[in-house]
Amino acid sequence: MKASFFQYAIIDGKLKYDTDIPEGSFMKFQIVGSGGCVSLPKPLCQCRVCTEARRKGYPYARCGCSLYLEDANLLVDTPEDICHALNNSDIRAVDTVLYSHWDPDHTLGLRVMEQLRLEWLDYSVGKMCGNPVGIYALPQVMEDLNRIRNPSGSYFDYYEHMHLISRHEVSDVSISGIHITFVPVSSGKAVSTFIFEHAGRKLIYAPCDCKPFPDSLLFERADVLVIGNTFVGPTLKEGRVMAADNPLRQELFSMDEVLAVREKYGIGRVVITHLEEDWGKSFADYRELEKEYSGVEFAYDGKVVEL
């Protein structure tokens, strides 16, 4: 097994070092980034959680929300700090990127395409990249991605012209023997959740803007749901309370609503990701919260989920 900068994972509620993590799992995922719209530590912030994250680093610090599937060298989303996140997780290959939606905290690290594939010295003598990164998204999501522009045009047009990427509009695809279904969310904008299936195992990844949760039989009996768009407890950063009439409650899942989704589809485990700095909770706080929820885990950068 390759070494990780983290050198540990939490499996079945127990701390496991690399040498203890079983080989030969059907699918191996890594939470590359578990943070939300704001990185943790938040620039300038001197609160308890951000100060601790600066002092201790990962897993107390969090990069923007992203997921990696090792079996397929596949990355989901490119937040602004994705280059740091890939290095922190010691990722060695990326051949495919899926996009959930266009929001900046999921796309604006797209310049990583240059760093993944562009060799300027080769390009300067006319040698083009021969293995472009495959970009996959629902047609409506791809349309939004193509609108991310600079004065010269679409960034993705430029990257495809440079042979750094190849774009694919899909609703499902099989990569390295793993079937991936893109399930759209009816939230007023183009958003998708993902179902990864292989050898009878199933993981759902619903990182953001997934409320209301899609109604699909495809989710039934999933082994793991990795879900964002949540808030954890009514008391948040610096003692602030999210009132019952706060409009964020229409956008975000409460823990009770997450558990209702789990029960509706008979899902085995839940991993909460996209953890916002605004929630005012540290890595250690989330570890304590796990004791209150059976079958629920809270993500951290470098967390491994194996099926």
Protein backbone atom coordinates (compact mmCIF):
# COMPACT_ATOMS: atom_id res chain seq x y z
CA MET A 1 0.00 0.00 0.00
CA LYS A 2 1.31 3.43 -0.84
CA ALA A 3 2.20 5.67 2.05
CA SER A 4 0.07 8.70 2.88
CA PHE A 5 1.11 11.98 4.43
CA PHE A 6 -1.64 11.27 6.97
CA GLN A 7 -0.63 7.64 7.53
CA TYR A 8 -3.93 6.75 9.17
CA ALA A 9 -7.62 6.28 8.56
CA ILE A 10 -10.62 5.75 10.82
CA ILE A 11 -12.39 2.51 9.96
CA ASP A 12 -15.33 1.19 11.97
CA GLY A 13 -14.74 3.94 14.49
CA LYS A 14 -11.13 2.96 15.18
CA LEU A 15 -7.87 4.66 14.26
CA LYS A 16 -5.99 2.52 11.74
CA TYR A 17 -2.51 3.16 10.38
CA ASP A 18 -1.64 2.40 6.75
CA THR A 19 -0.22 -1.01 7.56
CA ASP A 20 -3.53 -1.98 9.22
CA ILE A 21 -5.87 -0.98 6.37
CA PRO A 22 -6.99 -4.13 4.53
CA GLU A 23 -5.96 -4.63 0.93
CA GLY A 24 -8.22 -5.88 -1.86
CA SER A 25 -11.36 -3.85 -1.10
CA PHE A 26 -13.85 -3.47 -3.92
CA MET A 27 -13.68 0.32 -4.01
CA LYS A 28 -11.34 2.65 -2.14
CA PHE A 29 -12.35 6.28 -1.75
CA GLN A 30 -10.46 9.09 -0.07
CA ILE A 31 -11.99 12.33 1.17
CA VAL A 32 -9.47 14.70 -0.41
CA GLY A 33 -11.24 17.75 0.98
CA SER A 34 -13.90 17.78 3.69
CA GLY A 35 -14.37 21.52 4.10
CA GLY A 36 -17.14 23.80 2.95
CA CYS A 37 -17.44 27.12 1.13
CA VAL A 38 -14.77 28.59 3.41
CA SER A 39 -11.44 26.91 4.02
CA LEU A 40 -10.44 25.96 7.53
CA PRO A 41 -8.60 27.80 8.96
CA LYS A 42 -10.43 30.80 7.58
CA PRO A 43 -8.03 33.59 6.61
CA LEU A 44 -7.68 36.19 9.38
CA CYS A 45 -10.02 34.36 11.76
CA GLN A 46 -8.75 33.95 15.32
CA CYS A 47 -11.56 31.76 16.66
CA ARG A 48 -10.74 28.61 18.64
CA VAL A 49 -11.27 26.24 15.70
CA CYS A 50 -9.24 28.22 13.16
CA THR A 51 -6.41 28.88 15.61
CA GLU A 52 -6.21 25.18 16.46
CA ALA A 53 -6.24 24.23 12.76
CA ARG A 54 -3.30 26.56 12.06
CA ARG A 55 -1.35 25.08 14.92
CA LYS A 56 -2.11 21.39 14.32
CA GLY A 57 -2.66 21.22 10.55
CA TYR A 58 -4.53 18.24 9.11
CA PRO A 59 -6.94 16.71 10.02
CA TYR A 60 -7.94 19.82 11.99
CA ALA A 61 -7.49 21.89 8.83
CA ARG A 62 -9.84 21.27 5.90
CA CYS A 63 -9.59 21.90 2.15
CA GLY A 64 -12.58 22.43 -0.15
CA CYS A 65 -14.96 19.55 -0.76
CA SER A 66 -13.61 16.82 -3.05
CA LEU A 67 -13.51 13.02 -3.33
CA TYR A 68 -10.99 10.64 -4.93
CA LEU A 69 -11.61 7.07 -6.14
CA GLU A 70 -8.27 5.32 -6.16
CA ASP A 71 -9.42 2.35 -8.26
CA ALA A 72 -10.10 4.67 -11.22
CA ASN A 73 -7.71 7.61 -10.59
CA LEU A 74 -10.91 9.64 -10.44
CA LEU A 75 -11.50 12.99 -8.75
CA VAL A 76 -14.85 14.65 -8.04
CA ASP A 77 -14.76 18.47 -8.22
CA THR A 78 -11.87 20.93 -8.15
CA PRO A 79 -12.21 23.50 -5.34
CA GLU A 80 -9.81 26.43 -5.26
CA ASP A 81 -7.29 24.63 -3.04
CA ILE A 82 -7.38 21.32 -4.88
CA CYS A 83 -3.62 21.41 -5.64
CA HIS A 84 -2.86 21.57 -1.92
CA ALA A 85 -5.45 18.88 -1.20
CA LEU A 86 -3.98 16.48 -3.78
CA ASN A 87 -0.52 16.94 -2.32
CA ASN A 88 -1.78 16.55 1.24
CA SER A 89 -3.44 13.26 0.31
CA ASP A 90 -0.40 12.08 -1.70
CA ILE A 91 -2.52 11.47 -4.81
CA ARG A 92 -0.27 10.18 -7.59
CA ALA A 93 -2.59 10.00 -10.64
CA VAL A 94 -5.72 11.75 -11.90
CA ASP A 95 -7.19 10.56 -15.19
CA THR A 96 -10.85 11.55 -14.75
CA VAL A 97 -12.70 14.44 -13.11
CA LEU A 98 -16.43 14.47 -12.43
CA TYR A 99 -18.23 17.71 -11.69
CA SER A 100 -21.28 17.96 -9.45
CA HIS A 101 -22.18 21.59 -10.30
CA TRP A 102 -20.62 24.91 -11.24
CA ASP A 103 -20.37 26.63 -7.83
CA PRO A 104 -16.97 28.32 -7.28
CA ASP A 105 -16.08 26.21 -4.26
CA HIS A 106 -16.38 23.12 -6.49
CA THR A 107 -14.87 24.40 -9.75
CA LEU A 108 -12.49 27.33 -9.41
CA GLY A 109 -9.47 25.12 -8.90
CA LEU A 110 -9.97 24.05 -12.52
CA ARG A 111 -6.55 25.44 -13.36
CA VAL A 112 -5.25 22.21 -11.85
CA MET A 113 -5.79 20.80 -15.36
CA GLU A 114 -2.64 22.64 -16.42
CA GLN A 115 -0.68 21.27 -13.49
CA LEU A 116 -1.93 17.73 -14.09
CA ARG A 117 -1.06 17.61 -17.78
CA LEU A 118 0.72 20.64 -19.22
CA GLU A 119 4.50 20.36 -19.71
CA TRP A 120 5.52 23.78 -20.96
CA LEU A 121 8.93 22.67 -22.25
CA ASP A 122 7.26 19.97 -24.35
CA TYR A 123 4.55 22.34 -25.54
CA SER A 124 7.14 24.94 -26.54
CA VAL A 125 8.56 22.49 -29.11
CA GLY A 126 5.15 21.39 -30.40
CA LYS A 127 4.72 18.23 -28.33
CA MET A 128 1.10 17.97 -27.18
CA CYS A 129 -0.28 16.10 -24.20
CA GLY A 130 -1.24 12.57 -25.25
CA ASN A 131 -3.46 11.62 -22.31
CA PRO A 132 -6.00 14.38 -21.62
CA VAL A 133 -8.00 14.30 -18.41
CA GLY A 134 -11.54 13.07 -19.02
CA ILE A 135 -14.12 15.59 -17.79
CA TYR A 136 -17.58 14.09 -17.15
CA ALA A 137 -20.79 15.87 -16.17
CA LEU A 138 -24.49 15.92 -16.83
CA PRO A 139 -25.29 17.96 -19.97
CA GLN A 140 -26.82 20.79 -17.93
CA VAL A 141 -23.82 20.88 -15.60
CA MET A 142 -21.40 20.86 -18.53
CA GLU A 143 -23.27 23.80 -20.03
CA ASP A 144 -22.64 25.74 -16.81
CA LEU A 145 -18.99 24.69 -16.71
CA ASN A 146 -18.48 25.96 -20.25
CA ARG A 147 -19.70 29.39 -19.11
CA ILE A 148 -16.75 29.79 -16.72
CA ARG A 149 -14.84 32.27 -18.84
CA ASN A 150 -12.05 34.77 -19.16
CA PRO A 151 -11.95 37.64 -21.72
CA SER A 152 -10.68 35.18 -24.36
CA GLY A 153 -13.43 32.61 -23.87
CA SER A 154 -14.29 29.47 -21.91
CA TYR A 155 -11.56 27.96 -19.76
CA PHE A 156 -12.68 24.47 -20.74
CA ASP A 157 -12.57 25.37 -24.44
CA TYR A 158 -8.98 26.50 -23.90
CA TYR A 159 -7.98 23.36 -22.03
CA GLU A 160 -9.51 21.13 -24.66
CA HIS A 161 -7.77 23.13 -27.42
CA MET A 162 -4.52 22.53 -25.52
CA HIS A 163 -5.30 18.77 -25.46
CA LEU A 164 -5.30 18.82 -21.66
CA ILE A 165 -8.89 17.63 -21.26
CA SER A 166 -11.65 15.86 -23.16
CA ARG A 167 -15.27 16.68 -22.26
CA HIS A 168 -18.08 14.13 -22.00
CA GLU A 169 -21.75 14.85 -21.35
CA VAL A 170 -23.18 11.74 -19.70
CA SER A 171 -25.86 10.44 -17.37
CA ASP A 172 -23.88 7.31 -16.57
CA VAL A 173 -20.48 5.85 -17.38
CA SER A 174 -18.30 2.85 -16.51
CA ILE A 175 -14.65 3.52 -15.64
CA SER A 176 -12.23 0.78 -14.57
CA GLY A 177 -15.16 -1.58 -14.12
CA ILE A 178 -16.97 0.79 -11.75
CA HIS A 179 -20.38 2.00 -12.89
CA ILE A 180 -21.18 5.63 -12.10
CA THR A 181 -24.68 7.05 -12.36
CA PHE A 182 -25.26 10.81 -12.34
CA VAL A 183 -28.57 11.54 -10.60
CA PRO A 184 -29.83 15.12 -11.07
CA VAL A 185 -31.10 17.18 -8.15
CA SER A 186 -34.26 19.23 -8.57
CA SER A 187 -32.99 22.31 -6.77
CA GLY A 188 -33.54 25.01 -9.38
CA LYS A 189 -30.06 24.71 -10.86
CA ALA A 190 -28.00 22.00 -12.51
CA VAL A 191 -26.62 19.73 -9.78
CA SER A 192 -25.87 16.02 -9.70
CA THR A 193 -25.27 13.37 -7.10
CA PHE A 194 -23.25 10.26 -7.95
CA ILE A 195 -23.76 6.55 -7.40
CA PHE A 196 -20.63 4.37 -7.61
CA GLU A 197 -21.31 0.63 -8.01
CA HIS A 198 -19.02 -2.37 -8.29
CA ALA A 199 -19.21 -6.05 -7.28
CA GLY A 200 -22.49 -5.56 -5.43
CA ARG A 201 -21.21 -2.56 -3.43
CA LYS A 202 -22.67 0.93 -3.70
CA LEU A 203 -21.58 4.39 -2.53
CA ILE A 204 -23.61 7.58 -2.97
CA TYR A 205 -21.77 10.91 -3.13
CA ALA A 206 -23.99 13.96 -2.68
CA PRO A 207 -21.61 16.78 -1.77
CA CYS A 208 -23.62 19.96 -2.17
CA ASP A 209 -26.94 21.57 -3.13
CA CYS A 210 -28.65 18.19 -2.83
CA LYS A 211 -31.79 19.32 -0.98
CA PRO A 212 -34.42 18.21 -1.67
CA PHE A 213 -32.68 14.86 -1.89
CA PRO A 214 -33.46 13.17 -5.23
CA ASP A 215 -36.18 10.52 -5.19
CA SER A 216 -34.68 7.48 -6.90
CA LEU A 217 -34.84 3.74 -6.35
CA LEU A 218 -31.19 3.64 -7.41
CA PHE A 219 -30.22 4.82 -3.92
CA GLU A 220 -31.77 1.85 -2.19
CA ARG A 221 -29.57 -0.39 -0.06
CA ALA A 222 -26.43 1.65 -0.63
CA ASP A 223 -23.53 0.71 1.60
CA VAL A 224 -22.41 4.30 2.21
CA LEU A 225 -23.87 7.78 1.74
CA VAL A 226 -21.32 10.61 1.70
CA ILE A 227 -23.39 13.77 2.01
CA GLY A 228 -22.83 17.49 2.35
CA ASN A 229 -25.30 20.37 2.58
CA THR A 230 -25.76 19.79 6.31
CA PHE A 231 -25.54 21.71 9.53
CA VAL A 232 -24.72 19.92 12.74
CA GLY A 233 -26.68 21.02 15.80
CA PRO A 234 -28.52 24.31 16.39
CA THR A 235 -25.56 25.96 18.20
CA LEU A 236 -22.83 26.93 15.78
CA LYS A 237 -19.74 29.17 15.69
CA GLU A 238 -19.28 31.44 18.71
CA GLY A 239 -22.55 30.21 20.21
CA ARG A 240 -24.76 31.44 17.39
CA VAL A 241 -28.06 29.59 17.08
CA MET A 242 -29.76 28.81 13.77
CA ALA A 243 -33.35 29.81 14.44
CA ALA A 244 -36.24 27.69 13.22
CA ASP A 245 -37.13 30.32 10.61
CA ASN A 246 -33.57 30.82 9.32
CA PRO A 247 -33.69 30.45 5.48
CA LEU A 248 -30.56 28.27 5.58
CA ARG A 249 -32.76 25.49 6.96
CA GLN A 250 -34.47 25.34 3.56
CA GLU A 251 -31.11 24.76 1.88
CA LEU A 252 -29.30 22.56 4.40
CA PHE A 253 -30.13 19.20 5.94
CA SER A 254 -30.40 18.90 9.69
CA MET A 255 -29.00 15.71 11.19
CA ASP A 256 -32.57 14.41 11.62
CA GLU A 257 -33.21 14.96 7.91
CA VAL A 258 -29.99 13.13 6.99
CA LEU A 259 -31.03 10.19 9.15
CA ALA A 260 -34.44 10.22 7.46
CA VAL A 261 -32.76 9.89 4.04
CA ARG A 262 -30.69 7.00 5.40
CA GLU A 263 -33.80 5.25 6.72
CA LYS A 264 -35.85 5.86 3.56
CA TYR A 265 -33.31 4.11 1.34
CA GLY A 266 -31.97 1.56 3.82
CA ILE A 267 -28.42 2.93 3.63
CA GLY A 268 -25.73 1.33 5.79
CA ARG A 269 -23.33 4.11 6.80
CA VAL A 270 -23.40 7.89 6.51
CA VAL A 271 -20.33 10.13 6.19
CA ILE A 272 -20.96 13.87 6.61
CA THR A 273 -18.70 16.07 4.45
CA HIS A 274 -18.65 19.72 3.27
CA LEU A 275 -18.21 20.74 6.92
CA GLU A 276 -18.44 24.50 7.15
CA GLU A 277 -16.10 26.67 9.21
CA ASP A 278 -19.25 28.52 10.31
CA TRP A 279 -20.36 25.47 12.29
CA GLY A 280 -17.59 26.22 14.79
CA LYS A 281 -16.52 22.62 15.38
CA SER A 282 -13.05 21.10 15.32
CA PHE A 283 -11.91 17.63 14.27
CA ALA A 284 -12.03 16.56 17.92
CA ASP A 285 -15.55 17.98 18.35
CA TYR A 286 -16.80 15.90 15.42
CA ARG A 287 -15.12 12.79 16.85
CA GLU A 288 -17.12 13.32 20.04
CA LEU A 289 -20.34 13.89 18.07
CA GLU A 290 -19.92 10.52 16.35
CA LYS A 291 -20.65 8.90 19.70
CA GLU A 292 -24.17 10.36 19.55
CA TYR A 293 -25.08 8.96 16.12
CA SER A 294 -24.86 5.26 15.36
CA GLY A 295 -23.55 4.59 11.86
CA VAL A 296 -22.68 8.25 11.22
CA GLU A 297 -19.12 9.50 10.68
CA PHE A 298 -17.77 12.97 10.06
CA ALA A 299 -15.30 13.42 7.23
CA TYR A 300 -11.79 14.81 7.49
CA ASP A 301 -9.14 15.40 4.85
CA GLY A 302 -7.46 12.08 4.18
CA LYS A 303 -10.29 9.91 5.50
CA VAL A 304 -10.47 6.57 3.67
CA VAL A 305 -13.80 4.89 2.91
CA GLU A 306 -13.48 1.32 1.65
CA LEU A 307 -16.24 -0.93 0.37
